[in-house]
Amino acid sequence: SARYKEIYLGGGAFIGGTGSSNKLDDYETGLHTVTCTDSGGGATITMNTSFDQLAYTKIGRVVHIQGVLLFASISGSFSGSLTISLPFTSANETDQAGRTIMGVGTHNVDFTSGTQIYLSVGESSSTATLTTQGDNIGGGNGQPQGSGQLYIGGSYIT
């Protein structure tokens, strides 16, 4: 049919019209081996190599990531925030529209009582930052211990 031809011509799918802004021509899946660092440089983080990858699916500009990260050891003391490498650099949009947060579950990670922990992705960033925040009480940094675990799931745009 004519609709079938429209969808498969030109190496991509057209959704909602045939203009270039409606063409979906980027789809990728894979595993991203994570690098974790202390943004302040005080701690050295070694990952458990059996749990150091995030699965990703990139559809157009949207990247979905998920997985479990396990820290083998952490030497020294944190002087900043835990940063986690991302498979693609995030977008830089008007009015900070490229920023996002993602959910994270934890085990053996210290953070201030009464706060929530999440991953924050800034604009034009190749990392997510483990962050804490509480209503009217400020925030802080989530700091994993050796054998700490992060259960990650979320999306951001490129």
N, C-alpha and C. Protein backbone atom coordinates (compact mmCIF):
# COMPACT_ATOMS: atom_id res chain seq x y z
N SER A 1 0.83 -1.19 0.00
CA SER A 1 0.00 0.00 0.00
C SER A 1 0.87 1.24 0.00
N ALA A 2 0.27 2.39 -0.28
CA ALA A 2 0.99 3.66 -0.29
C ALA A 2 1.55 3.97 1.10
N ARG A 3 0.81 3.68 2.14
CA ARG A 3 1.28 3.96 3.50
C ARG A 3 2.50 3.11 3.81
N TYR A 4 2.51 1.86 3.42
CA TYR A 4 3.66 0.98 3.63
C TYR A 4 4.90 1.55 2.98
N LYS A 5 4.78 2.03 1.76
CA LYS A 5 5.92 2.62 1.04
C LYS A 5 6.40 3.88 1.75
N GLU A 6 5.49 4.70 2.26
CA GLU A 6 5.88 5.92 2.95
C GLU A 6 6.71 5.61 4.19
N ILE A 7 6.34 4.56 4.90
CA ILE A 7 7.03 4.22 6.13
C ILE A 7 8.44 3.70 5.87
N TYR A 8 8.63 2.92 4.83
CA TYR A 8 9.91 2.26 4.64
C TYR A 8 10.82 2.88 3.58
N LEU A 9 10.42 3.91 2.91
CA LEU A 9 11.31 4.57 1.96
C LEU A 9 12.31 5.46 2.69
N GLY A 10 13.51 5.55 2.19
CA GLY A 10 14.48 6.51 2.69
C GLY A 10 15.21 6.12 3.96
N GLY A 11 15.20 4.87 4.37
CA GLY A 11 15.99 4.44 5.51
C GLY A 11 15.44 4.86 6.87
N GLY A 12 14.16 5.14 6.96
CA GLY A 12 13.59 5.50 8.25
C GLY A 12 12.09 5.43 8.19
N ALA A 13 11.46 5.59 9.35
CA ALA A 13 10.00 5.57 9.42
C ALA A 13 9.50 6.99 9.61
N PHE A 14 8.42 7.34 8.91
CA PHE A 14 7.79 8.63 9.08
C PHE A 14 6.59 8.46 10.01
N ILE A 15 6.55 9.29 11.04
CA ILE A 15 5.48 9.20 12.02
C ILE A 15 4.74 10.52 12.03
N GLY A 16 3.45 10.49 11.69
CA GLY A 16 2.63 11.69 11.74
C GLY A 16 2.87 12.66 10.59
N GLY A 17 3.46 12.24 9.52
CA GLY A 17 3.72 13.11 8.38
C GLY A 17 5.01 12.70 7.69
N THR A 18 5.33 13.37 6.59
CA THR A 18 6.51 12.98 5.82
C THR A 18 7.64 13.99 5.90
N GLY A 19 7.49 15.06 6.68
CA GLY A 19 8.56 16.05 6.83
C GLY A 19 9.74 15.49 7.60
N SER A 20 10.90 16.13 7.48
CA SER A 20 12.11 15.62 8.12
C SER A 20 11.98 15.56 9.64
N SER A 21 11.17 16.44 10.24
CA SER A 21 11.01 16.39 11.69
C SER A 21 10.19 15.18 12.14
N ASN A 22 9.52 14.51 11.20
CA ASN A 22 8.71 13.33 11.51
C ASN A 22 9.41 12.02 11.16
N LYS A 23 10.66 12.11 10.72
CA LYS A 23 11.37 10.91 10.30
C LYS A 23 12.15 10.32 11.48
N LEU A 24 11.85 9.07 11.78
CA LEU A 24 12.57 8.33 12.80
C LEU A 24 13.62 7.49 12.08
N ASP A 25 14.88 7.91 12.17
CA ASP A 25 15.93 7.22 11.44
C ASP A 25 17.12 6.86 12.35
N ASP A 26 16.88 6.83 13.65
CA ASP A 26 17.94 6.50 14.59
C ASP A 26 17.40 5.55 15.64
N TYR A 27 17.86 4.32 15.61
CA TYR A 27 17.47 3.31 16.59
C TYR A 27 18.70 2.48 16.90
N GLU A 28 19.01 2.34 18.18
CA GLU A 28 20.21 1.60 18.56
C GLU A 28 19.99 0.98 19.93
N THR A 29 20.50 -0.22 20.13
CA THR A 29 20.49 -0.85 21.45
C THR A 29 21.90 -1.32 21.75
N GLY A 30 22.21 -1.45 23.02
CA GLY A 30 23.53 -1.93 23.38
C GLY A 30 23.76 -1.92 24.87
N LEU A 31 25.01 -2.16 25.24
CA LEU A 31 25.45 -2.11 26.63
C LEU A 31 26.53 -1.04 26.75
N HIS A 32 26.42 -0.22 27.79
CA HIS A 32 27.40 0.83 28.06
C HIS A 32 28.16 0.46 29.32
N THR A 33 29.48 0.29 29.21
CA THR A 33 30.30 0.02 30.39
C THR A 33 30.52 1.34 31.12
N VAL A 34 30.08 1.38 32.35
CA VAL A 34 30.04 2.61 33.14
C VAL A 34 31.39 2.91 33.76
N THR A 35 31.72 4.19 33.81
CA THR A 35 32.83 4.70 34.59
C THR A 35 32.23 5.57 35.68
N CYS A 36 32.59 5.31 36.93
CA CYS A 36 32.11 6.10 38.06
C CYS A 36 33.29 6.85 38.66
N THR A 37 33.08 8.13 38.99
CA THR A 37 34.13 8.95 39.58
C THR A 37 33.56 9.81 40.71
N ASP A 38 34.44 10.29 41.56
CA ASP A 38 34.12 11.30 42.56
C ASP A 38 34.44 12.63 41.90
N SER A 39 33.43 13.49 41.74
CA SER A 39 33.65 14.77 41.05
C SER A 39 34.68 15.64 41.75
N GLY A 40 34.90 15.42 43.05
CA GLY A 40 35.90 16.18 43.79
C GLY A 40 37.28 15.54 43.77
N GLY A 41 37.36 14.31 43.28
CA GLY A 41 38.65 13.63 43.15
C GLY A 41 39.18 12.97 44.40
N GLY A 42 38.45 12.98 45.52
CA GLY A 42 38.95 12.41 46.76
C GLY A 42 38.86 10.90 46.86
N ALA A 43 37.91 10.29 46.17
CA ALA A 43 37.72 8.84 46.26
C ALA A 43 38.06 8.19 44.93
N THR A 44 38.60 6.99 45.02
CA THR A 44 38.87 6.17 43.84
C THR A 44 37.87 5.03 43.86
N ILE A 45 37.13 4.86 42.77
CA ILE A 45 36.03 3.91 42.71
C ILE A 45 36.39 2.77 41.76
N THR A 46 36.27 1.56 42.26
CA THR A 46 36.49 0.37 41.44
C THR A 46 35.16 -0.36 41.33
N MET A 47 34.76 -0.63 40.09
CA MET A 47 33.49 -1.31 39.84
C MET A 47 33.67 -2.82 39.84
N ASN A 48 32.63 -3.53 40.25
CA ASN A 48 32.57 -4.98 40.10
C ASN A 48 32.32 -5.22 38.61
N THR A 49 33.24 -5.87 37.93
CA THR A 49 33.15 -6.00 36.47
C THR A 49 32.02 -6.92 36.01
N SER A 50 31.35 -7.60 36.94
CA SER A 50 30.17 -8.37 36.58
C SER A 50 28.90 -7.52 36.61
N PHE A 51 29.00 -6.32 37.19
CA PHE A 51 27.85 -5.41 37.31
C PHE A 51 28.29 -3.98 37.03
N ASP A 52 28.86 -3.74 35.85
CA ASP A 52 29.33 -2.39 35.51
C ASP A 52 28.78 -1.90 34.17
N GLN A 53 27.66 -2.47 33.73
CA GLN A 53 27.09 -2.07 32.45
C GLN A 53 25.63 -1.68 32.61
N LEU A 54 25.23 -0.70 31.82
CA LEU A 54 23.83 -0.32 31.70
C LEU A 54 23.36 -0.67 30.30
N ALA A 55 22.19 -1.28 30.20
CA ALA A 55 21.58 -1.53 28.89
C ALA A 55 20.96 -0.22 28.42
N TYR A 56 21.05 0.05 27.13
CA TYR A 56 20.41 1.26 26.60
C TYR A 56 19.68 0.95 25.31
N THR A 57 18.65 1.73 25.08
CA THR A 57 17.93 1.75 23.81
C THR A 57 17.79 3.21 23.42
N LYS A 58 18.28 3.56 22.24
CA LYS A 58 18.18 4.93 21.74
C LYS A 58 17.20 4.92 20.57
N ILE A 59 16.13 5.69 20.73
CA ILE A 59 15.11 5.81 19.70
C ILE A 59 14.99 7.29 19.37
N GLY A 60 15.48 7.68 18.19
CA GLY A 60 15.53 9.10 17.87
C GLY A 60 16.44 9.80 18.85
N ARG A 61 15.93 10.81 19.55
CA ARG A 61 16.72 11.56 20.53
C ARG A 61 16.59 11.02 21.95
N VAL A 62 15.71 10.06 22.18
CA VAL A 62 15.45 9.56 23.53
C VAL A 62 16.32 8.33 23.82
N VAL A 63 17.01 8.38 24.95
CA VAL A 63 17.84 7.26 25.39
C VAL A 63 17.24 6.70 26.68
N HIS A 64 16.91 5.42 26.67
CA HIS A 64 16.43 4.71 27.86
C HIS A 64 17.61 3.90 28.40
N ILE A 65 17.89 4.00 29.70
CA ILE A 65 18.95 3.20 30.31
C ILE A 65 18.38 2.44 31.50
N GLN A 66 18.98 1.29 31.78
CA GLN A 66 18.59 0.52 32.96
C GLN A 66 19.68 -0.48 33.28
N GLY A 67 19.73 -0.86 34.56
CA GLY A 67 20.69 -1.86 34.98
C GLY A 67 21.04 -1.73 36.44
N VAL A 68 21.92 -2.62 36.89
CA VAL A 68 22.40 -2.64 38.27
C VAL A 68 23.91 -2.43 38.25
N LEU A 69 24.37 -1.49 39.07
CA LEU A 69 25.80 -1.24 39.22
C LEU A 69 26.21 -1.66 40.62
N LEU A 70 27.37 -2.31 40.72
CA LEU A 70 27.89 -2.77 42.00
C LEU A 70 29.33 -2.29 42.14
N PHE A 71 29.61 -1.63 43.26
CA PHE A 71 30.95 -1.12 43.52
C PHE A 71 31.77 -2.20 44.22
N ALA A 72 32.94 -2.51 43.67
CA ALA A 72 33.83 -3.51 44.29
C ALA A 72 34.54 -2.90 45.49
N SER A 73 35.04 -1.67 45.32
CA SER A 73 35.72 -1.01 46.43
C SER A 73 35.76 0.49 46.17
N ILE A 74 35.87 1.23 47.26
CA ILE A 74 36.02 2.68 47.19
C ILE A 74 37.10 3.04 48.19
N SER A 75 38.19 3.63 47.68
CA SER A 75 39.28 4.03 48.57
C SER A 75 39.33 5.55 48.63
N GLY A 76 39.77 6.07 49.75
CA GLY A 76 39.78 7.50 49.97
C GLY A 76 38.41 7.96 50.42
N SER A 77 38.25 9.26 50.58
CA SER A 77 36.98 9.85 51.03
C SER A 77 36.39 10.71 49.93
N PHE A 78 35.08 10.62 49.78
CA PHE A 78 34.39 11.45 48.80
C PHE A 78 34.58 12.92 49.16
N SER A 79 34.90 13.72 48.16
CA SER A 79 34.99 15.17 48.34
C SER A 79 34.04 15.88 47.38
N GLY A 80 33.26 15.10 46.65
CA GLY A 80 32.30 15.66 45.70
C GLY A 80 31.15 14.69 45.53
N SER A 81 30.61 14.65 44.34
CA SER A 81 29.46 13.80 44.02
C SER A 81 29.90 12.60 43.20
N LEU A 82 29.16 11.51 43.32
CA LEU A 82 29.38 10.35 42.47
C LEU A 82 28.83 10.67 41.09
N THR A 83 29.66 10.53 40.06
CA THR A 83 29.20 10.70 38.69
C THR A 83 29.28 9.38 37.96
N ILE A 84 28.31 9.14 37.08
CA ILE A 84 28.18 7.89 36.34
C ILE A 84 28.15 8.24 34.86
N SER A 85 29.02 7.64 34.08
CA SER A 85 29.07 7.94 32.65
C SER A 85 27.80 7.45 31.95
N LEU A 86 27.39 8.20 30.93
CA LEU A 86 26.22 7.88 30.12
C LEU A 86 26.65 7.43 28.73
N PRO A 87 25.83 6.66 28.03
CA PRO A 87 26.22 6.19 26.70
C PRO A 87 26.23 7.30 25.64
N PHE A 88 25.44 8.38 25.84
CA PHE A 88 25.38 9.50 24.89
C PHE A 88 25.32 10.81 25.68
N THR A 89 25.81 11.89 25.09
CA THR A 89 25.75 13.21 25.72
C THR A 89 24.33 13.75 25.66
N SER A 90 23.90 14.35 26.76
CA SER A 90 22.54 14.89 26.84
C SER A 90 22.41 16.17 26.01
N ALA A 91 21.16 16.54 25.74
CA ALA A 91 20.85 17.71 24.91
C ALA A 91 21.11 19.01 25.67
N ASN A 92 21.31 20.07 24.89
CA ASN A 92 21.39 21.44 25.42
C ASN A 92 20.22 22.18 24.79
N GLU A 93 19.19 22.43 25.58
CA GLU A 93 17.95 23.03 25.07
C GLU A 93 17.70 24.40 25.70
N THR A 94 16.78 25.15 25.13
CA THR A 94 16.38 26.44 25.68
C THR A 94 15.76 26.26 27.05
N ASP A 95 16.03 27.19 27.96
CA ASP A 95 15.43 27.21 29.30
C ASP A 95 15.68 25.93 30.08
N GLN A 96 16.84 25.32 29.90
CA GLN A 96 17.23 24.12 30.64
C GLN A 96 16.31 22.92 30.37
N ALA A 97 15.64 22.90 29.23
CA ALA A 97 14.72 21.81 28.91
C ALA A 97 15.44 20.49 28.65
N GLY A 98 16.76 20.50 28.51
CA GLY A 98 17.52 19.27 28.31
C GLY A 98 17.89 18.57 29.61
N ARG A 99 17.60 19.18 30.76
CA ARG A 99 17.89 18.57 32.07
C ARG A 99 16.83 17.54 32.42
N THR A 100 17.22 16.53 33.18
CA THR A 100 16.24 15.56 33.65
C THR A 100 16.76 14.87 34.90
N ILE A 101 15.87 14.16 35.56
CA ILE A 101 16.28 13.29 36.66
C ILE A 101 15.79 11.88 36.37
N MET A 102 16.49 10.91 36.93
CA MET A 102 16.13 9.51 36.76
C MET A 102 16.09 8.84 38.12
N GLY A 103 15.25 7.83 38.21
CA GLY A 103 15.12 7.08 39.44
C GLY A 103 16.31 6.18 39.69
N VAL A 104 16.61 5.98 40.97
CA VAL A 104 17.67 5.07 41.36
C VAL A 104 17.32 4.47 42.72
N GLY A 105 17.43 3.15 42.81
CA GLY A 105 17.32 2.46 44.08
C GLY A 105 18.72 2.20 44.59
N THR A 106 18.86 2.08 45.90
CA THR A 106 20.20 1.93 46.47
C THR A 106 20.26 0.83 47.52
N HIS A 107 21.46 0.35 47.71
CA HIS A 107 21.80 -0.53 48.83
C HIS A 107 23.22 -0.17 49.23
N ASN A 108 23.45 0.07 50.53
CA ASN A 108 24.77 0.41 51.05
C ASN A 108 25.29 1.73 50.47
N VAL A 109 24.39 2.72 50.40
CA VAL A 109 24.74 4.07 49.97
C VAL A 109 24.29 5.01 51.08
N ASP A 110 25.20 5.87 51.55
CA ASP A 110 24.88 6.80 52.62
C ASP A 110 24.34 8.11 52.04
N PHE A 111 23.20 8.56 52.59
CA PHE A 111 22.70 9.89 52.28
C PHE A 111 21.88 10.38 53.45
N THR A 112 21.68 11.68 53.53
CA THR A 112 21.05 12.31 54.68
C THR A 112 19.63 11.80 54.88
N SER A 113 19.32 11.45 56.12
CA SER A 113 17.97 11.00 56.46
C SER A 113 16.96 12.08 56.09
N GLY A 114 15.83 11.67 55.52
CA GLY A 114 14.79 12.60 55.13
C GLY A 114 14.95 13.16 53.73
N THR A 115 15.98 12.74 53.04
CA THR A 115 16.16 13.20 51.67
C THR A 115 15.82 12.07 50.70
N GLN A 116 15.65 12.45 49.45
CA GLN A 116 15.43 11.47 48.37
C GLN A 116 16.68 11.45 47.51
N ILE A 117 16.95 10.30 46.96
CA ILE A 117 18.14 10.17 46.12
C ILE A 117 17.70 9.93 44.68
N TYR A 118 18.39 10.55 43.74
CA TYR A 118 18.07 10.41 42.33
C TYR A 118 19.31 10.70 41.50
N LEU A 119 19.24 10.42 40.21
CA LEU A 119 20.31 10.77 39.28
C LEU A 119 19.90 12.03 38.54
N SER A 120 20.77 12.99 38.51
CA SER A 120 20.54 14.26 37.83
C SER A 120 21.40 14.31 36.58
N VAL A 121 20.77 14.63 35.44
CA VAL A 121 21.50 14.77 34.18
C VAL A 121 21.39 16.23 33.75
N GLY A 122 22.52 16.91 33.71
CA GLY A 122 22.55 18.30 33.25
C GLY A 122 22.58 18.38 31.74
N GLU A 123 22.54 19.58 31.23
CA GLU A 123 22.60 19.77 29.78
C GLU A 123 24.02 19.58 29.27
N SER A 124 24.12 19.08 28.04
CA SER A 124 25.41 18.83 27.38
C SER A 124 26.34 18.00 28.26
N SER A 125 25.78 17.02 28.95
CA SER A 125 26.55 16.24 29.91
C SER A 125 26.69 14.80 29.45
N SER A 126 27.85 14.23 29.71
CA SER A 126 28.07 12.81 29.41
C SER A 126 28.03 11.99 30.70
N THR A 127 27.57 12.62 31.80
CA THR A 127 27.46 11.91 33.08
C THR A 127 26.14 12.24 33.77
N ALA A 128 25.76 11.35 34.67
CA ALA A 128 24.65 11.59 35.60
C ALA A 128 25.27 11.69 36.99
N THR A 129 24.70 12.53 37.83
CA THR A 129 25.23 12.76 39.17
C THR A 129 24.26 12.21 40.21
N LEU A 130 24.76 11.41 41.15
CA LEU A 130 23.95 10.91 42.24
C LEU A 130 23.72 12.07 43.21
N THR A 131 22.46 12.45 43.40
CA THR A 131 22.11 13.66 44.15
C THR A 131 21.03 13.34 45.17
N THR A 132 21.00 14.09 46.26
CA THR A 132 19.93 13.96 47.25
C THR A 132 19.28 15.32 47.44
N GLN A 133 18.02 15.29 47.81
CA GLN A 133 17.29 16.52 48.05
C GLN A 133 16.11 16.23 48.96
N GLY A 134 15.79 17.18 49.81
CA GLY A 134 14.62 17.07 50.68
C GLY A 134 13.85 18.38 50.65
N ASP A 135 12.57 18.30 50.89
CA ASP A 135 11.72 19.48 50.88
C ASP A 135 12.10 20.41 52.04
N ASN A 136 12.53 21.61 51.72
CA ASN A 136 12.90 22.64 52.69
C ASN A 136 14.06 22.26 53.60
N ILE A 137 14.87 21.27 53.22
CA ILE A 137 16.01 20.93 54.07
C ILE A 137 17.32 20.88 53.29
N GLY A 138 17.30 21.29 52.05
CA GLY A 138 18.52 21.26 51.26
C GLY A 138 18.80 19.88 50.70
N GLY A 139 19.98 19.70 50.23
CA GLY A 139 20.33 18.44 49.61
C GLY A 139 21.68 17.96 50.06
N GLY A 140 22.34 17.26 49.19
CA GLY A 140 23.65 16.72 49.51
C GLY A 140 24.05 15.72 48.46
N ASN A 141 25.03 14.93 48.81
CA ASN A 141 25.57 13.95 47.88
C ASN A 141 25.31 12.55 48.41
N GLY A 142 24.92 11.65 47.50
CA GLY A 142 24.84 10.24 47.84
C GLY A 142 26.22 9.64 47.68
N GLN A 143 26.71 8.97 48.71
CA GLN A 143 28.06 8.44 48.67
C GLN A 143 28.04 6.93 48.94
N PRO A 144 28.30 6.14 47.90
CA PRO A 144 28.27 4.68 48.07
C PRO A 144 29.47 4.18 48.85
N GLN A 145 29.29 3.06 49.45
CA GLN A 145 30.37 2.35 50.15
C GLN A 145 30.80 1.20 49.25
N GLY A 146 31.94 0.57 49.59
CA GLY A 146 32.34 -0.65 48.88
C GLY A 146 31.21 -1.65 48.99
N SER A 147 30.89 -2.34 47.96
CA SER A 147 29.77 -3.27 47.79
C SER A 147 28.43 -2.55 47.72
N GLY A 148 28.43 -1.21 47.59
CA GLY A 148 27.20 -0.47 47.36
C GLY A 148 26.60 -0.84 46.02
N GLN A 149 25.28 -0.71 45.92
CA GLN A 149 24.58 -1.07 44.69
C GLN A 149 23.64 0.06 44.27
N LEU A 150 23.55 0.27 42.97
CA LEU A 150 22.61 1.22 42.40
C LEU A 150 21.74 0.48 41.39
N TYR A 151 20.44 0.68 41.50
CA TYR A 151 19.47 0.08 40.58
C TYR A 151 18.91 1.25 39.76
N ILE A 152 19.27 1.32 38.49
CA ILE A 152 19.03 2.51 37.68
C ILE A 152 18.01 2.24 36.59
N GLY A 153 17.12 3.21 36.38
CA GLY A 153 16.18 3.15 35.28
C GLY A 153 15.69 4.55 34.94
N GLY A 154 15.73 4.91 33.68
CA GLY A 154 15.25 6.23 33.30
C GLY A 154 15.58 6.57 31.86
N SER A 155 15.21 7.79 31.49
CA SER A 155 15.39 8.27 30.11
C SER A 155 15.90 9.70 30.12
N TYR A 156 16.59 10.06 29.05
CA TYR A 156 17.02 11.44 28.83
C TYR A 156 17.07 11.67 27.32
N ILE A 157 17.22 12.94 26.91
CA ILE A 157 17.27 13.24 25.48
C ILE A 157 18.66 13.69 25.07
N THR A 158 18.98 13.45 23.80
CA THR A 158 20.27 13.85 23.24
C THR A 158 20.10 15.05 22.33
